[in-house]
Amino acid sequence: MSQIEIAQIIEQIKQEITVDVNGQGKASIRATARLADINDAGLLRSLKTAADISHSKLVEKLIRKGFEGADILRWSQSGIPDVAVAAILHYYGYEAGKRCSQQARLACEAFESIGVRAWMQDIMGWTKPAPQPQQPPAPALPQWNSDCKLLSWQ
């Protein structure tokens, strides 16, 4: 597996990635599994253990990273957050024992330099919204009396 092949996979899964207005990316379970070179049904089964008393090692890792079990269970409908995609790639690249894949390692290494969120933003053409210009305060106007004498500034 080479970086060129990873680039081809990225092109194939591009439509399964979204970036919201805040720049936070999400990928489908299928897209994440393709990046890690694992079976998407197996990834889904592993993530569903978030509802069990005995979690998969992957779910334990995600919980240690700060994800809630209920959130993990919703990822099949809502997509996997970019930070979790990075954790999943790392898991299947280095920690999954016999299920480790060279492709997950290569993808992990490729994204470490720019970050998964930045990569998702880039492939989706997302740009940070320009800050809205603030209206300058209205200038203070002098008040004059009928004799043309200055009364005050407002």
Protein backbone atom coordinates (compact mmCIF):
# COMPACT_ATOMS: atom_id res chain seq x y z
CA MET A 1 0.00 0.00 0.00
CA SER A 2 1.43 3.36 -0.99
CA GLN A 3 0.52 7.00 -0.43
CA ILE A 4 -0.75 7.04 -4.03
CA GLU A 5 -3.22 4.26 -3.23
CA ILE A 6 -4.32 6.14 -0.09
CA ALA A 7 -4.91 9.21 -2.28
CA GLN A 8 -7.13 7.08 -4.55
CA ILE A 9 -9.14 5.82 -1.57
CA ILE A 10 -9.53 9.38 -0.33
CA GLU A 11 -10.94 10.40 -3.70
CA GLN A 12 -13.39 7.47 -3.55
CA ILE A 13 -14.70 8.33 -0.06
CA LYS A 14 -14.80 12.10 -0.49
CA GLN A 15 -18.60 12.12 -0.82
CA GLU A 16 -18.87 10.40 2.58
CA ILE A 17 -17.19 13.28 4.41
CA THR A 18 -18.77 16.50 5.64
CA VAL A 19 -17.42 19.64 7.26
CA ASP A 20 -19.73 21.91 9.23
CA VAL A 21 -19.62 25.72 9.37
CA ASN A 22 -17.26 25.56 12.37
CA GLY A 23 -14.78 23.45 10.39
CA GLN A 24 -15.42 20.20 12.25
CA GLY A 25 -15.33 17.19 9.94
CA LYS A 26 -17.19 13.90 10.03
CA ALA A 27 -16.76 10.72 8.03
CA SER A 28 -19.10 7.77 7.58
CA ILE A 29 -18.29 4.43 9.16
CA ARG A 30 -17.67 3.06 5.67
CA ALA A 31 -15.22 5.87 4.81
CA THR A 32 -13.35 5.42 8.09
CA ALA A 33 -13.15 1.66 7.56
CA ARG A 34 -11.85 2.16 4.00
CA LEU A 35 -9.13 4.48 5.31
CA ALA A 36 -8.11 1.90 7.91
CA ASP A 37 -8.42 -1.02 5.46
CA ILE A 38 -10.83 -2.86 7.73
CA ASN A 39 -14.33 -4.25 7.32
CA ASP A 40 -16.98 -1.59 7.92
CA ALA A 41 -19.35 -4.14 9.52
CA GLY A 42 -16.55 -5.08 11.94
CA LEU A 43 -15.93 -1.42 12.80
CA LEU A 44 -19.65 -0.92 13.39
CA ARG A 45 -19.81 -4.01 15.65
CA SER A 46 -16.85 -2.73 17.63
CA LEU A 47 -18.41 0.73 18.05
CA LYS A 48 -21.74 -0.77 19.13
CA THR A 49 -20.02 -2.27 22.18
CA ALA A 50 -20.27 1.24 23.64
CA ALA A 51 -23.70 0.08 24.86
CA ASP A 52 -22.28 -3.06 26.51
CA ILE A 53 -20.77 -3.50 29.93
CA SER A 54 -17.69 -4.98 28.28
CA HIS A 55 -16.43 -2.48 25.68
CA SER A 56 -14.17 -3.32 22.76
CA LYS A 57 -10.60 -2.06 23.11
CA LEU A 58 -11.35 0.52 20.44
CA VAL A 59 -14.34 1.88 22.39
CA GLU A 60 -12.24 1.93 25.57
CA LYS A 61 -9.66 4.03 23.71
CA LEU A 62 -12.34 6.42 22.43
CA ILE A 63 -13.83 6.79 25.92
CA ARG A 64 -10.34 7.56 27.30
CA LYS A 65 -10.12 10.24 24.60
CA GLY A 66 -13.25 11.85 26.07
CA PHE A 67 -16.03 10.46 23.87
CA GLU A 68 -19.26 9.35 25.54
CA GLY A 69 -20.72 5.91 24.89
CA ALA A 70 -24.06 7.40 23.79
CA ASP A 71 -22.30 9.62 21.25
CA ILE A 72 -20.31 6.68 19.87
CA LEU A 73 -23.56 4.77 19.34
CA ARG A 74 -24.98 7.62 17.23
CA TRP A 75 -22.01 7.74 14.86
CA SER A 76 -23.60 5.21 12.50
CA GLN A 77 -26.24 7.86 11.70
CA SER A 78 -24.39 11.12 12.31
CA GLY A 79 -20.86 10.27 11.16
CA ILE A 80 -17.61 9.86 13.06
CA PRO A 81 -16.02 13.13 14.24
CA ASP A 82 -12.64 13.95 12.72
CA VAL A 83 -10.80 13.59 16.04
CA ALA A 84 -12.30 10.11 16.49
CA VAL A 85 -11.32 9.17 12.91
CA ALA A 86 -7.72 9.98 13.84
CA ALA A 87 -7.98 7.83 16.99
CA ILE A 88 -9.51 4.94 15.02
CA LEU A 89 -6.75 5.11 12.39
CA HIS A 90 -4.12 5.11 15.13
CA TYR A 91 -5.78 2.15 16.82
CA TYR A 92 -5.90 0.06 13.65
CA GLY A 93 -2.44 1.19 12.65
CA TYR A 94 -0.64 0.42 15.91
CA GLU A 95 -2.82 -1.09 18.66
CA ALA A 96 -5.23 -3.62 17.13
CA GLY A 97 -2.86 -6.59 17.28
CA LYS A 98 -3.45 -8.97 14.38
CA ARG A 99 -6.05 -6.54 12.97
CA CYS A 100 -3.46 -3.79 12.48
CA SER A 101 -3.14 -2.72 8.87
CA GLN A 102 -0.31 -1.11 6.99
CA GLN A 103 -2.83 1.17 5.28
CA ALA A 104 -4.11 2.48 8.63
CA ARG A 105 -0.50 3.19 9.62
CA LEU A 106 0.17 5.02 6.35
CA ALA A 107 -3.05 7.03 6.64
CA CYS A 108 -2.25 7.85 10.25
CA GLU A 109 1.25 9.02 9.30
CA ALA A 110 -0.09 11.08 6.39
CA PHE A 111 -2.64 12.83 8.60
CA GLU A 112 -0.32 13.40 11.56
CA SER A 113 1.41 16.17 9.66
CA ILE A 114 -1.76 18.15 8.91
CA GLY A 115 -4.43 16.66 11.11
CA VAL A 116 -7.59 14.89 10.04
CA ARG A 117 -9.75 17.99 10.53
CA ALA A 118 -7.53 20.10 8.28
CA TRP A 119 -7.51 17.33 5.68
CA MET A 120 -11.32 17.07 5.70
CA GLN A 121 -11.64 20.84 5.45
CA ASP A 122 -9.22 20.86 2.52
CA ILE A 123 -10.87 18.13 0.47
CA MET A 124 -14.29 19.67 1.02
CA GLY A 125 -13.08 23.16 0.07
CA TRP A 126 -14.07 24.59 3.44
CA THR A 127 -12.71 27.98 4.35
CA LYS A 128 -13.03 29.77 7.62
CA PRO A 129 -15.79 32.36 7.37
CA ALA A 130 -14.53 35.92 7.35
CA PRO A 131 -15.31 37.79 10.54
CA GLN A 132 -18.28 40.06 10.19
CA PRO A 133 -17.24 43.71 10.17
CA GLN A 134 -18.52 45.53 13.17
CA GLN A 135 -20.30 48.83 12.75
CA PRO A 136 -18.23 51.67 14.15
CA PRO A 137 -20.02 53.66 16.81
CA ALA A 138 -21.90 56.69 15.57
CA PRO A 139 -19.75 59.81 15.87
CA ALA A 140 -20.58 62.14 18.70
CA LEU A 141 -22.49 65.16 17.50
CA PRO A 142 -22.40 68.54 19.16
CA GLN A 143 -25.62 70.09 20.41
CA TRP A 144 -26.10 73.79 19.91
CA ASN A 145 -28.55 76.16 21.45
CA SER A 146 -30.46 78.84 19.53
CA ASP A 147 -27.61 81.32 20.07
CA CYS A 148 -25.21 78.90 18.38
CA LYS A 149 -23.48 78.12 21.66
CA LEU A 150 -22.24 74.60 22.22
CA LEU A 151 -24.30 72.80 24.83
CA SER A 152 -22.76 69.35 24.91
CA TRP A 153 -21.31 66.43 22.96
CA GLN A 154 -23.22 63.24 22.73
